[in-house]
Structures are given as C-alpha cells and as structure tokens.
Protein backbone atom coordinates (compact mmCIF):
# COMPACT_ATOMS: atom_id res chain seq x y z
CA UNK A 1 -10.61 -33.60 17.23
CA UNK A 2 -10.59 -32.52 13.59
CA UNK A 3 -11.54 -35.31 11.18
CA UNK A 4 -11.28 -35.34 7.40
CA UNK A 5 -12.90 -37.48 4.75
CA UNK A 6 -11.06 -35.55 2.04
CA UNK A 7 -7.47 -36.60 1.58
CA UNK A 8 -5.86 -34.48 -1.15
CA UNK A 9 -3.53 -31.73 0.16
CA UNK A 10 -5.72 -29.00 -1.34
CA UNK A 11 -8.91 -30.43 0.19
CA UNK A 12 -7.29 -30.85 3.59
CA UNK A 13 -5.83 -27.34 3.42
CA UNK A 14 -9.22 -25.84 2.53
CA UNK A 15 -10.92 -27.63 5.42
CA UNK A 16 -8.16 -26.75 7.87
CA UNK A 17 -8.21 -23.10 6.84
CA UNK A 18 -11.96 -22.86 7.44
CA UNK A 19 -11.73 -24.71 10.78
CA UNK A 20 -8.77 -22.64 11.97
CA UNK A 21 -10.87 -19.47 11.82
CA UNK A 22 -13.21 -20.80 14.51
CA UNK A 23 -11.22 -23.49 16.33
CA UNK A 24 -7.51 -22.66 16.04
CA UNK A 25 -6.49 -24.76 19.06
CA UNK A 26 -8.13 -27.84 17.60
CA UNK A 27 -6.32 -27.32 14.30
CA UNK A 28 -3.02 -26.83 16.14
CA UNK A 29 -3.53 -30.16 17.88
CA UNK A 30 -4.40 -31.91 14.64
CA UNK A 31 -1.33 -30.62 12.82
CA UNK A 32 0.95 -31.49 15.73
CA UNK A 33 -0.21 -35.10 15.53
CA UNK A 34 -0.26 -35.25 11.70
CA UNK A 35 3.02 -33.62 10.75
CA UNK A 36 3.25 -35.70 7.59
CA UNK A 37 0.01 -34.17 6.31
CA UNK A 38 1.22 -30.70 7.28
CA UNK A 39 4.45 -31.20 5.37
CA UNK A 40 2.61 -32.51 2.33
CA UNK A 41 0.09 -29.66 2.14
CA UNK A 42 2.78 -27.02 2.79
CA UNK A 43 4.85 -28.36 -0.08
CA UNK A 44 1.79 -28.63 -2.34
CA UNK A 45 0.54 -25.09 -1.74
CA UNK A 46 2.56 -22.71 0.47
CA UNK A 47 -0.18 -20.06 0.19
CA UNK A 48 -2.77 -22.38 1.78
CA UNK A 49 -0.28 -23.31 4.48
CA UNK A 50 0.36 -19.61 5.18
CA UNK A 51 -3.38 -18.93 5.46
CA UNK A 52 -3.65 -21.66 8.09
CA UNK A 53 -0.66 -20.38 10.08
CA UNK A 54 -2.10 -16.87 10.14
CA UNK A 55 -5.09 -18.19 12.09
CA UNK A 56 -2.96 -20.00 14.69
CA UNK A 57 -0.97 -18.72 17.64
CA UNK A 58 2.57 -17.55 16.95
CA UNK A 59 4.11 -20.34 19.06
CA UNK A 60 2.28 -23.03 17.09
CA UNK A 61 2.98 -21.31 13.76
CA UNK A 62 6.71 -21.03 14.41
CA UNK A 63 6.92 -24.66 15.54
CA UNK A 64 5.09 -25.85 12.42
CA UNK A 65 7.36 -23.81 10.16
CA UNK A 66 10.41 -25.41 11.72
CA UNK A 67 9.01 -28.85 10.87
CA UNK A 68 9.48 -28.03 7.18
CA UNK A 69 12.66 -28.03 5.16
CA UNK A 70 14.42 -24.68 4.86
CA UNK A 71 13.13 -24.27 1.30
CA UNK A 72 9.60 -25.28 2.29
CA UNK A 73 9.57 -22.95 5.28
CA UNK A 74 10.87 -20.13 3.12
CA UNK A 75 8.08 -20.60 0.57
CA UNK A 76 5.43 -20.50 3.30
CA UNK A 77 7.11 -17.55 5.03
CA UNK A 78 7.02 -15.61 1.77
CA UNK A 79 3.22 -16.01 1.63
CA UNK A 80 2.62 -14.74 5.16
CA UNK A 81 1.71 -11.14 5.86
CA UNK A 82 4.95 -9.24 6.45
CA UNK A 83 4.50 -8.37 10.13
CA UNK A 84 3.72 -11.99 11.07
CA UNK A 85 6.68 -13.25 9.06
CA UNK A 86 8.97 -10.98 11.07
CA UNK A 87 7.39 -12.04 14.37
CA UNK A 88 7.90 -15.73 13.56
CA UNK A 89 11.51 -15.28 12.46
CA UNK A 90 12.22 -13.47 15.72
CA UNK A 91 11.26 -16.70 17.51
CA UNK A 92 13.78 -18.79 15.58
CA UNK A 93 17.36 -19.39 16.62
CA UNK A 94 19.83 -17.39 14.50
CA UNK A 95 20.89 -20.61 12.75
CA UNK A 96 17.31 -21.63 11.88
CA UNK A 97 16.48 -18.08 10.76
CA UNK A 98 19.61 -17.90 8.59
CA UNK A 99 18.87 -21.27 6.92
CA UNK A 100 15.29 -20.32 6.07
CA UNK A 101 16.00 -16.74 5.00
CA UNK A 102 18.86 -17.90 2.79
CA UNK A 103 16.30 -19.91 0.80
CA UNK A 104 14.37 -16.72 0.02
CA UNK A 105 15.39 -14.28 -2.68
CA UNK A 106 17.77 -11.60 -1.35
CA UNK A 107 15.02 -8.98 -1.74
CA UNK A 108 12.52 -11.00 0.31
CA UNK A 109 15.15 -11.86 2.91
CA UNK A 110 16.14 -8.20 3.21
CA UNK A 111 12.50 -7.21 3.77
CA UNK A 112 12.36 -9.46 6.84
CA UNK A 113 15.90 -9.00 8.14
CA UNK A 114 15.51 -5.23 8.00
CA UNK A 115 12.78 -5.45 10.65
CA UNK A 116 14.73 -7.62 13.09
CA UNK A 117 16.43 -6.05 16.08
CA UNK A 118 20.07 -5.17 15.52
CA UNK A 119 21.46 -8.07 17.57
CA UNK A 120 19.47 -10.76 15.81
CA UNK A 121 20.03 -9.13 12.40
CA UNK A 122 23.80 -9.20 12.89
CA UNK A 123 23.71 -12.79 14.14
CA UNK A 124 21.70 -13.98 11.14
CA UNK A 125 23.86 -12.16 8.61
CA UNK A 126 27.02 -13.56 10.17
CA UNK A 127 25.77 -17.14 9.76
CA UNK A 128 24.68 -16.67 6.15
CA UNK A 129 27.14 -17.31 3.35
CA UNK A 130 29.26 -14.33 2.34
CA UNK A 131 27.61 -13.84 -1.05
CA UNK A 132 24.07 -13.91 0.34
CA UNK A 133 24.83 -11.72 3.36
CA UNK A 134 26.66 -9.15 1.24
CA UNK A 135 23.74 -8.99 -1.21
CA UNK A 136 21.22 -8.61 1.62
CA UNK A 137 23.33 -5.92 3.30
CA UNK A 138 23.57 -4.01 0.03
CA UNK A 139 19.77 -4.06 -0.26
CA UNK A 140 19.30 -2.97 3.34
CA UNK A 141 21.09 0.31 2.64
CA UNK A 142 18.19 1.47 0.47
CA UNK A 143 14.85 2.77 1.81
CA UNK A 144 12.07 0.18 1.72
CA UNK A 145 9.95 2.46 -0.48
CA UNK A 146 12.68 2.99 -3.08
CA UNK A 147 13.62 1.08 -6.22
CA UNK A 148 16.61 -0.34 -4.36
CA UNK A 149 14.35 -1.65 -1.64
CA UNK A 150 12.07 -3.28 -4.22
CA UNK A 151 14.60 -4.66 -6.69
CA UNK A 152 15.87 -8.18 -7.14
CA UNK A 153 19.54 -8.66 -7.95
CA UNK A 154 18.88 -11.89 -9.83
CA UNK A 155 18.51 -10.70 -13.41
CA UNK A 156 19.43 -12.02 -16.83
CA UNK A 157 22.44 -9.87 -17.73
CA UNK A 158 24.56 -10.83 -20.74
CA UNK A 159 27.59 -9.29 -22.51
CA UNK A 160 26.86 -7.09 -25.50
CA UNK A 161 29.05 -9.36 -27.67
CA UNK A 162 26.72 -12.35 -27.16
CA UNK A 163 24.66 -13.76 -30.03
CA UNK A 164 20.98 -14.61 -29.70
CA UNK A 165 21.75 -18.33 -29.76
CA UNK A 166 24.36 -18.01 -27.04
CA UNK A 167 21.97 -15.84 -25.02
CA UNK A 168 19.20 -18.45 -25.14
CA UNK A 169 21.59 -21.13 -23.96
CA UNK A 170 22.88 -18.89 -21.17
CA UNK A 171 19.37 -18.01 -20.00
CA UNK A 172 18.44 -21.69 -20.07
CA UNK A 173 21.25 -22.36 -17.59
CA UNK A 174 20.24 -19.39 -15.42
CA UNK A 175 16.49 -19.92 -15.33
CA UNK A 176 16.47 -21.72 -11.97
CA UNK A 177 17.94 -18.73 -10.14
CA UNK A 178 16.16 -15.99 -12.09
CA UNK A 179 13.01 -14.48 -10.59
CA UNK A 180 11.81 -12.88 -13.80
CA UNK A 181 12.42 -13.74 -17.43
CA UNK A 182 10.60 -10.80 -18.98
CA UNK A 183 13.79 -9.11 -20.16
CA UNK A 184 17.41 -9.84 -20.91
CA UNK A 185 19.65 -6.91 -20.06
CA UNK A 186 22.73 -6.31 -22.19
CA UNK A 187 25.82 -4.92 -20.45
CA UNK A 188 29.34 -3.99 -21.45
CA UNK A 189 32.57 -5.26 -19.87
CA UNK A 190 32.10 -2.90 -16.88
CA UNK A 191 28.48 -4.10 -16.39
CA UNK A 192 27.14 -0.78 -17.64
CA UNK A 193 23.66 -1.22 -19.06
CA UNK A 194 23.64 -0.58 -22.81
CA UNK A 195 20.40 -2.19 -23.92
CA UNK A 196 17.47 -4.47 -23.21
CA UNK A 197 15.71 -7.20 -25.12
CA UNK A 198 12.45 -8.93 -24.25
CA UNK A 199 12.73 -12.67 -23.84
CA UNK A 200 10.10 -13.11 -26.56
CA UNK A 201 12.11 -11.08 -29.08
CA UNK A 202 15.24 -13.00 -28.12
CA UNK A 203 13.63 -16.36 -28.87
CA UNK A 204 12.31 -15.27 -32.26
CA UNK A 205 15.62 -13.84 -33.54
CA UNK A 206 18.13 -15.79 -35.61
CA UNK A 207 20.66 -17.66 -33.50
CA UNK A 208 23.65 -15.96 -35.13
CA UNK A 209 22.44 -12.35 -34.77
CA UNK A 210 24.29 -10.25 -32.20
CA UNK A 211 22.40 -8.81 -29.25
CA UNK A 212 23.76 -5.36 -30.06
CA UNK A 213 21.91 -5.52 -33.38
CA UNK A 214 18.47 -6.33 -31.96
CA UNK A 215 18.49 -4.80 -28.49
CA UNK A 216 16.65 -1.64 -27.52
CA UNK A 217 19.37 0.86 -26.67
CA UNK A 218 19.13 3.40 -23.87
CA UNK A 219 16.30 1.71 -21.95
CA UNK A 220 14.29 3.46 -19.25
CA UNK A 221 16.13 3.10 -15.94
CA UNK A 222 15.88 4.19 -12.31
CA UNK A 223 18.41 4.61 -9.54
CA UNK A 224 18.24 2.66 -6.27
CA UNK A 225 16.88 5.76 -4.53
CA UNK A 226 14.03 6.41 -6.97
CA UNK A 227 10.76 6.54 -5.04
CA UNK A 228 8.39 3.66 -5.62
CA UNK A 229 5.70 6.06 -6.85
CA UNK A 230 7.95 7.09 -9.73
CA UNK A 231 8.84 3.45 -10.38
CA UNK A 232 5.15 2.59 -10.68
CA UNK A 233 4.48 5.63 -12.88
CA UNK A 234 7.31 4.77 -15.30
CA UNK A 235 6.24 1.15 -15.49
CA UNK A 236 2.70 2.19 -16.35
CA UNK A 237 3.69 4.95 -18.78
CA UNK A 238 5.97 2.72 -20.87
CA UNK A 239 4.00 -0.55 -20.40
CA UNK A 240 7.02 -2.32 -18.94
CA UNK A 241 7.14 -5.74 -17.28
CA UNK A 242 10.21 -4.75 -15.27
CA UNK A 243 12.45 -1.76 -14.69
CA UNK A 244 16.26 -1.94 -14.54
CA UNK A 245 18.01 -0.30 -11.59
CA UNK A 246 21.43 1.27 -12.24
CA UNK A 247 23.96 3.18 -10.17
CA UNK A 248 25.38 6.62 -10.94
CA UNK A 249 27.77 5.04 -13.47
CA UNK A 250 24.94 3.18 -15.26
CA UNK A 251 26.11 -0.16 -13.88
CA UNK A 252 23.25 -2.65 -13.65
CA UNK A 253 22.33 -3.43 -10.04
CA UNK A 254 19.05 -5.28 -10.47
CA UNK A 255 15.49 -4.87 -11.62
CA UNK A 256 12.10 -4.09 -10.15
CA UNK A 257 9.69 -6.79 -11.28
CA UNK A 258 6.03 -6.29 -12.16
CA UNK A 259 5.02 -8.17 -9.02
CA UNK A 260 7.08 -5.79 -6.90
CA UNK A 261 5.53 -2.79 -8.67
CA UNK A 262 2.00 -4.07 -8.01
CA UNK A 263 2.84 -4.66 -4.36
CA UNK A 264 4.35 -1.18 -4.15
CA UNK A 265 1.27 0.46 -5.67
CA UNK A 266 -1.01 -1.37 -3.25
CA UNK A 267 1.22 -0.46 -0.32
CA UNK A 268 1.40 3.18 -1.40
CA UNK A 269 -2.37 3.38 -1.76
CA UNK A 270 -2.98 1.86 1.67
CA UNK A 271 -0.40 4.13 3.28
CA UNK A 272 -1.89 7.20 1.59
CA UNK A 273 -5.31 6.26 2.89
CA UNK A 274 -4.00 5.76 6.43
CA UNK A 275 -2.09 9.05 6.30
CA UNK A 276 -5.10 10.93 4.97
CA UNK A 277 -7.09 9.71 7.97
CA UNK A 278 -4.34 10.77 10.40
CA UNK A 279 -3.12 7.25 11.22
CA UNK A 280 0.49 6.08 10.98
CA UNK A 281 1.75 5.65 7.42
CA UNK A 282 2.99 2.13 8.11
CA UNK A 283 0.42 1.27 10.76
CA UNK A 284 -1.58 -1.96 10.47
CA UNK A 285 -4.11 -3.66 12.76
CA UNK A 286 -1.16 -5.65 14.12
CA UNK A 287 1.06 -2.67 14.97
CA UNK A 288 1.97 -2.52 18.65
CA UNK A 289 -0.27 -0.41 20.88
CA UNK A 290 2.46 2.10 21.90
CA UNK A 291 3.53 2.61 18.28
CA UNK A 292 -0.05 3.10 17.09
CA UNK A 293 -0.70 5.61 19.86
CA UNK A 294 2.47 7.55 18.95
CA UNK A 295 1.34 7.68 15.33
CA UNK A 296 -2.18 8.87 16.07
CA UNK A 297 -1.86 11.20 19.04
CA UNK A 298 -0.24 14.17 17.21
CA UNK A 299 -3.00 14.23 14.61
CA UNK A 300 -5.73 13.82 17.21
CA UNK A 301 -4.21 16.71 19.16
CA UNK A 302 -4.13 18.81 15.99
CA UNK A 303 -7.73 17.84 15.33
CA UNK A 304 -8.65 19.07 18.81
CA UNK A 305 -6.91 22.40 18.24
CA UNK A 306 -8.58 22.88 14.86
CA UNK A 307 -11.96 21.95 16.32
CA UNK A 308 -11.70 24.97 18.60
CA UNK A 309 -12.48 27.05 15.52
CA UNK A 310 -15.78 25.23 15.09
CA UNK A 311 -16.48 25.58 18.80
CA UNK A 312 -15.92 29.32 18.58
CA UNK A 313 -18.20 29.63 15.54
CA UNK A 314 -21.01 27.82 17.36
CA UNK A 315 -20.57 29.63 20.68
CA UNK A 316 -20.84 33.01 18.97
CA UNK A 317 -24.28 31.98 17.68
CA UNK A 318 -25.53 30.30 20.87
CA UNK A 319 -28.22 32.93 21.33
CA UNK A 320 -29.80 31.85 18.02
CA UNK A 321 -30.03 28.25 19.20
CA UNK A 322 -31.63 29.32 22.48
CA UNK A 323 -34.29 31.29 20.59
CA UNK A 324 -34.95 28.51 18.07
CA UNK A 325 -33.96 25.15 19.66
CA UNK A 326 -34.95 23.13 16.57
CA UNK A 327 -31.77 24.45 14.93
CA UNK A 328 -29.68 22.36 17.35
CA UNK A 329 -31.38 19.19 16.08
CA UNK A 330 -31.01 20.10 12.39
CA UNK A 331 -27.45 21.48 12.55
CA UNK A 332 -25.64 18.07 12.57
CA UNK A 333 -27.57 17.09 9.43
CA UNK A 334 -25.87 19.81 7.41
CA UNK A 335 -22.39 19.02 8.78
CA UNK A 336 -22.78 15.28 8.16
CA UNK A 337 -23.78 15.80 4.53
CA UNK A 338 -20.74 18.02 3.99
CA UNK A 339 -18.42 15.56 5.70
CA UNK A 340 -19.51 12.71 3.45
CA UNK A 341 -19.23 14.82 0.30
CA UNK A 342 -15.75 15.99 1.30
CA UNK A 343 -14.62 12.42 1.99
CA UNK A 344 -15.84 11.28 -1.43
CA UNK A 345 -13.98 14.04 -3.25
CA UNK A 346 -10.87 13.47 -1.13
CA UNK A 347 -10.84 9.74 -1.90
CA UNK A 348 -11.03 10.33 -5.65
CA UNK A 349 -8.25 12.93 -5.59
CA UNK A 350 -5.92 10.94 -3.32
CA UNK A 351 -6.32 7.88 -5.54
CA UNK A 352 -5.47 9.90 -8.63
CA UNK A 353 -2.42 11.45 -6.95
CA UNK A 354 -1.24 8.04 -5.76
CA UNK A 355 -0.97 6.91 -9.38
CA UNK A 356 0.47 10.26 -10.50
CA UNK A 357 -2.58 10.82 -12.68
CA UNK A 358 -2.94 14.56 -12.00
CA UNK A 359 -0.73 16.73 -14.26
CA UNK A 360 -0.49 20.30 -13.02
CA UNK A 361 -2.04 21.54 -16.25
CA UNK A 362 -5.20 19.57 -15.42
CA UNK A 363 -5.69 21.02 -11.93
CA UNK A 364 -8.04 23.89 -12.95
CA UNK A 365 -10.21 21.48 -14.89
CA UNK A 366 -10.28 19.00 -12.00
CA UNK A 367 -11.27 21.67 -9.50
CA UNK A 368 -13.92 22.97 -11.91
CA UNK A 369 -15.42 19.51 -12.33
CA UNK A 370 -15.48 18.92 -8.58
CA UNK A 371 -17.15 22.28 -8.07
CA UNK A 372 -19.79 21.34 -10.64
CA UNK A 373 -20.30 17.95 -9.00
CA UNK A 374 -20.72 19.67 -5.63
CA UNK A 375 -23.23 22.17 -7.04
CA UNK A 376 -25.35 19.54 -8.82
CA UNK A 377 -25.24 17.22 -5.80
CA UNK A 378 -25.99 20.21 -3.57
CA UNK A 379 -29.15 21.05 -5.50
CA UNK A 380 -30.43 17.48 -5.23
CA UNK A 381 -29.42 16.86 -1.61
CA UNK A 382 -30.41 20.39 -0.57
CA UNK A 383 -33.89 19.73 -1.92
CA UNK A 384 -34.12 16.45 -0.03
CA UNK A 385 -32.81 18.12 3.14
CA UNK A 386 -35.52 20.77 2.77
CA UNK A 387 -38.20 18.08 2.49
CA UNK A 388 -36.86 16.11 5.46
CA UNK A 389 -36.62 19.25 7.60
CA UNK A 390 -40.30 20.03 7.01
CA UNK A 391 -41.04 17.08 9.30
CA UNK A 392 -39.43 18.95 12.19
CA UNK A 393 -39.68 22.65 11.38
CA UNK A 394 -41.57 25.27 9.42
CA UNK A 395 -40.90 26.23 5.81
CA UNK A 396 -38.48 29.05 6.68
CA UNK A 397 -36.24 26.85 8.82
CA UNK A 398 -36.40 24.03 6.27
CA UNK A 399 -35.33 26.47 3.56
CA UNK A 400 -32.30 27.45 5.64
CA UNK A 401 -31.40 23.77 6.05
CA UNK A 402 -31.72 23.17 2.31
CA UNK A 403 -29.68 26.23 1.38
CA UNK A 404 -27.01 25.45 4.01
CA UNK A 405 -26.79 21.85 2.77
CA UNK A 406 -26.28 23.07 -0.80
CA UNK A 407 -23.55 25.49 0.31
CA UNK A 408 -21.76 22.91 2.45
CA UNK A 409 -21.73 20.31 -0.32
CA UNK A 410 -20.16 22.81 -2.72
CA UNK A 411 -17.56 23.83 -0.12
CA UNK A 412 -16.88 20.23 0.97
CA UNK A 413 -16.43 18.86 -2.54
CA UNK A 414 -14.08 21.69 -3.45
CA UNK A 415 -12.09 21.24 -0.22
CA UNK A 416 -11.84 17.47 -0.69
CA UNK A 417 -10.14 17.89 -4.04
CA UNK A 418 -8.35 21.16 -3.34
CA UNK A 419 -6.57 20.40 -0.04
CA UNK A 420 -4.44 17.45 -1.29
CA UNK A 421 -3.58 19.44 -4.42
CA UNK A 422 -2.49 22.41 -2.29
CA UNK A 423 -0.37 20.14 -0.10
CA UNK A 424 1.32 18.70 -3.20
CA UNK A 425 2.05 22.18 -4.55
CA UNK A 426 3.77 22.95 -1.22
CA UNK A 427 6.01 19.92 -1.65
CA UNK A 428 4.18 17.98 1.08
CA UNK A 429 2.62 14.54 0.99
CA UNK A 430 -0.88 15.17 -0.47
CA UNK A 431 -2.29 12.49 1.82
CA UNK A 432 -0.87 14.19 4.92
CA UNK A 433 -3.91 14.06 7.21
CA UNK A 434 -6.00 15.67 4.48
CA UNK A 435 -9.14 14.28 6.08
CA UNK A 436 -8.54 16.31 9.24
CA UNK A 437 -8.40 19.58 7.29
CA UNK A 438 -11.41 18.64 5.15
CA UNK A 439 -13.35 17.83 8.32
CA UNK A 440 -12.43 21.21 9.79
CA UNK A 441 -13.73 23.06 6.73
CA UNK A 442 -16.93 21.03 6.47
CA UNK A 443 -17.62 21.48 10.19
CA UNK A 444 -17.06 25.22 9.97
CA UNK A 445 -19.33 25.46 6.95
CA UNK A 446 -21.81 22.98 8.37
CA UNK A 447 -22.17 24.34 11.90
CA UNK A 448 -20.95 27.92 11.69
CA UNK A 449 -22.27 28.54 8.19
CA UNK A 450 -25.67 27.07 9.03
CA UNK A 451 -26.08 29.25 12.13
CA UNK A 452 -24.85 32.34 10.29
CA UNK A 453 -27.35 31.69 7.51
CA UNK A 454 -30.11 31.16 10.07
CA UNK A 455 -29.23 34.45 11.78
CA UNK A 456 -29.32 36.24 8.44
CA UNK A 457 -32.58 34.77 7.14
CA UNK A 458 -34.65 34.01 10.23
CA UNK A 459 -33.98 36.90 12.60
C-alpha cells in the first residue's frame, strides 16, 4: 500500500504521480480509500490531479472524477489530454456529463462535446441550460481548426458611449466570467465592432473620457471560418494578445485568446509533421487501431507504388552488381546519407511554412541557400564517405561512393525544401506526405544514381 510522510497536497500529488507511472493499481487503491486527500489535491492543483489520472485506468479515472464537485471535475478535465477527456466523459451519465461540461467554458465544452457520439451529444445538450447549450451548439458549427472553433464567447464588450470610468466598473463586475482581460472591445447598438482598447490603456485613462476618444478604431479581425494558421500569423504579425472574431456584418462573436493561438500553433505543427510522414493528420498514439490503419494504408500503398521506380532503376543495373559485389554493400550508404539530408531540409521548410514564414518572393533565395548547404555538406560528407569506403573497396570504387554521396546530398537537400514549396504553389497542403516523395527522390538518386555512376566510371 502507498504510504506518505509528506502531507501537503502538492507533495502528495508529486509522490502519487511518480508512483502511478510504475504502480497504477496501487495508486488507484490508495485514492479509493483516501478520497478526502484526492479531493484536496484536485482542488489545490487540477494539473497534478490530471497527470495522476492519465496514468490510471479509465474506469478508475472516471470514478475519481465523479467524486469531485462539478467545478472541480471540470478543472481537472480541462487539464487532461483531449482524447482521454472525451473517453472519460463518454463513461458518464448524460446528467453527470452535462453538469461537469457546463462548468467549463463554452469553447472547452464544445471541444469535448463535438467528439461524443450523436446520441450522447444530443442528450447532454438537452440537459444543459438553454443559454449554455445554444452557445455550445453555435461553436460546434465551426470547424475545429478555424477561428470559430478556437474562440471564446466570453469577452469584455462595452457600448461605444461608455466612459473609461464606467468601463472599469463594468469590467470589474464581469471579471469572474471573463476568460481574458487583455482587451476591451467597443461595439455599437447592433454589437458591431467599432474599436478596441487594451485593459492597460483603459486603466490609465481619465475616468470621464469616452471610449470612442481613446479606442483603436478598425481593429484587426477574423471571421469564424478563418483558418487557425492565418489566426496565428495575424496574431504574430501585429503582436496581439487576442483576436476578435466577427460575422459578415462585423458583429462581435468572440475572441481567440493567446492561449488558444499557442495551442493552435502547436497542434498545427504536430499535424503537419504527422502528415509529412504519411500518418493521419489528427492521429495520436491513442487513436483507435482501425482509424490509424485507415489513415496510414493509402500512403503506404502509394509508397509501395513509388518504390517500384527505385526497384526498376536497380534491376536495370543488376549486371553491374554481379560483376562488382562490393557495390551492393556500399549502395545503402549513399541512399541513407541522402535520406537524412532530405529529412533535415524538409523539417526546416515545413516548420517555416507552418508559421507562414516563407513569402513567395523569398522562395528563390531559400532554394539557393538549401542548394548551397547541400553542396557544402556534400563535399564534407562525400570526402568522409570516400575515406570510409577505402576500408572495403579500392580507390576507384571509393571515389564513386564519394561522388555519389555528394550528388545525393545536393539532390536530397534541394528536394527536401522544394517539394513542400511546390505542393503549396499547387494549392495543396505542403506537409502532404512530403517525406514519401523526398524518400522516393533520394532513393532514386542514392541507388539508381550510384549504380549509373559506377557503370559510367568503373566499366
């Protein structure tokens, strides 16, 4: 049985988290028999409580969540990884799920409810109060990767006729329900956004000055359907702490907070990486087996088809290998070097594209730099490959290996940066299985190019 000498909630949580990684059943038993300690540590630090639950079985985790108040359970649920949060809510009764989700912000509740099956989603929304369910349903109509899917509807919005003093008093009354106090948005009688004022500027203005005199008119806005990449780019470009979301009539709907933007950037980067490797865009280690297989199989099949080109290039030169068998041992060396160089260039380019840091005017310069990097790296690595090959072959063969390595590094580095840029120019996702196409090119250059060079220089 787990025993503790430390008694503060943080100390107990730290010890439980470490023990849960190796002995989850023992921790489950301890928490079941010490529910008062569980409640105390969950209220003290929901993030620590979530870390502990993530190490336990789903049955135990859901039972422990239900031991907390609706507000307490909601705070812990918000700290859990998203797929586990959905799995746990699916185990709740509709009433318990509705009570807990209602304690979340509408945006956070919508993120979870949107992943429930239709029957449970309808049951939960029906139990929720009309104002909460209508807000959640309005958020569910927007794609998860759009501004509407990221925004919170709880914003500080005040009439344009308000004075600074009145605004401060109004915000003071609203602060408990507001998720972000970075900005105060100024609207007209039809809730059309006419200006914005930072909370700092509001506080330091005279109490009797009108908001229309000190606000920033015509602020940067997005629509609910603006892609999260553009949201992140605008936030970075204008150094904003939040971005207002308006409808087609400029009526204020909500705002995308800095926290949501950071989460979106991280999510976009991870999805781009998965897509570049040919995995599912939304796939995680916890995605169901059938869904993961459906995501991966098409790209693996495409990879097989493309690999036939490499197979054909090698088979056409099989007579060279039979005459000089050492080439078969050295050939993978060239392809491996090219594959690594291509992956490095691809990673740099995909990361830059993910943050919209590649203006079209800069593309020639980017490709030129990558070509130079490939050439310089090729000279160095080609020389090393030549030296290594001398351990297995004569000078002539080693020279072919060195020259082929140089060539493949130049080709691979150029392909790693060029392929995602070409895909973007075609209007496609630049991360769309780019790695598969880079691998094809580096294999062709590594295997086929190496044998062709050997045939030209050695025979």
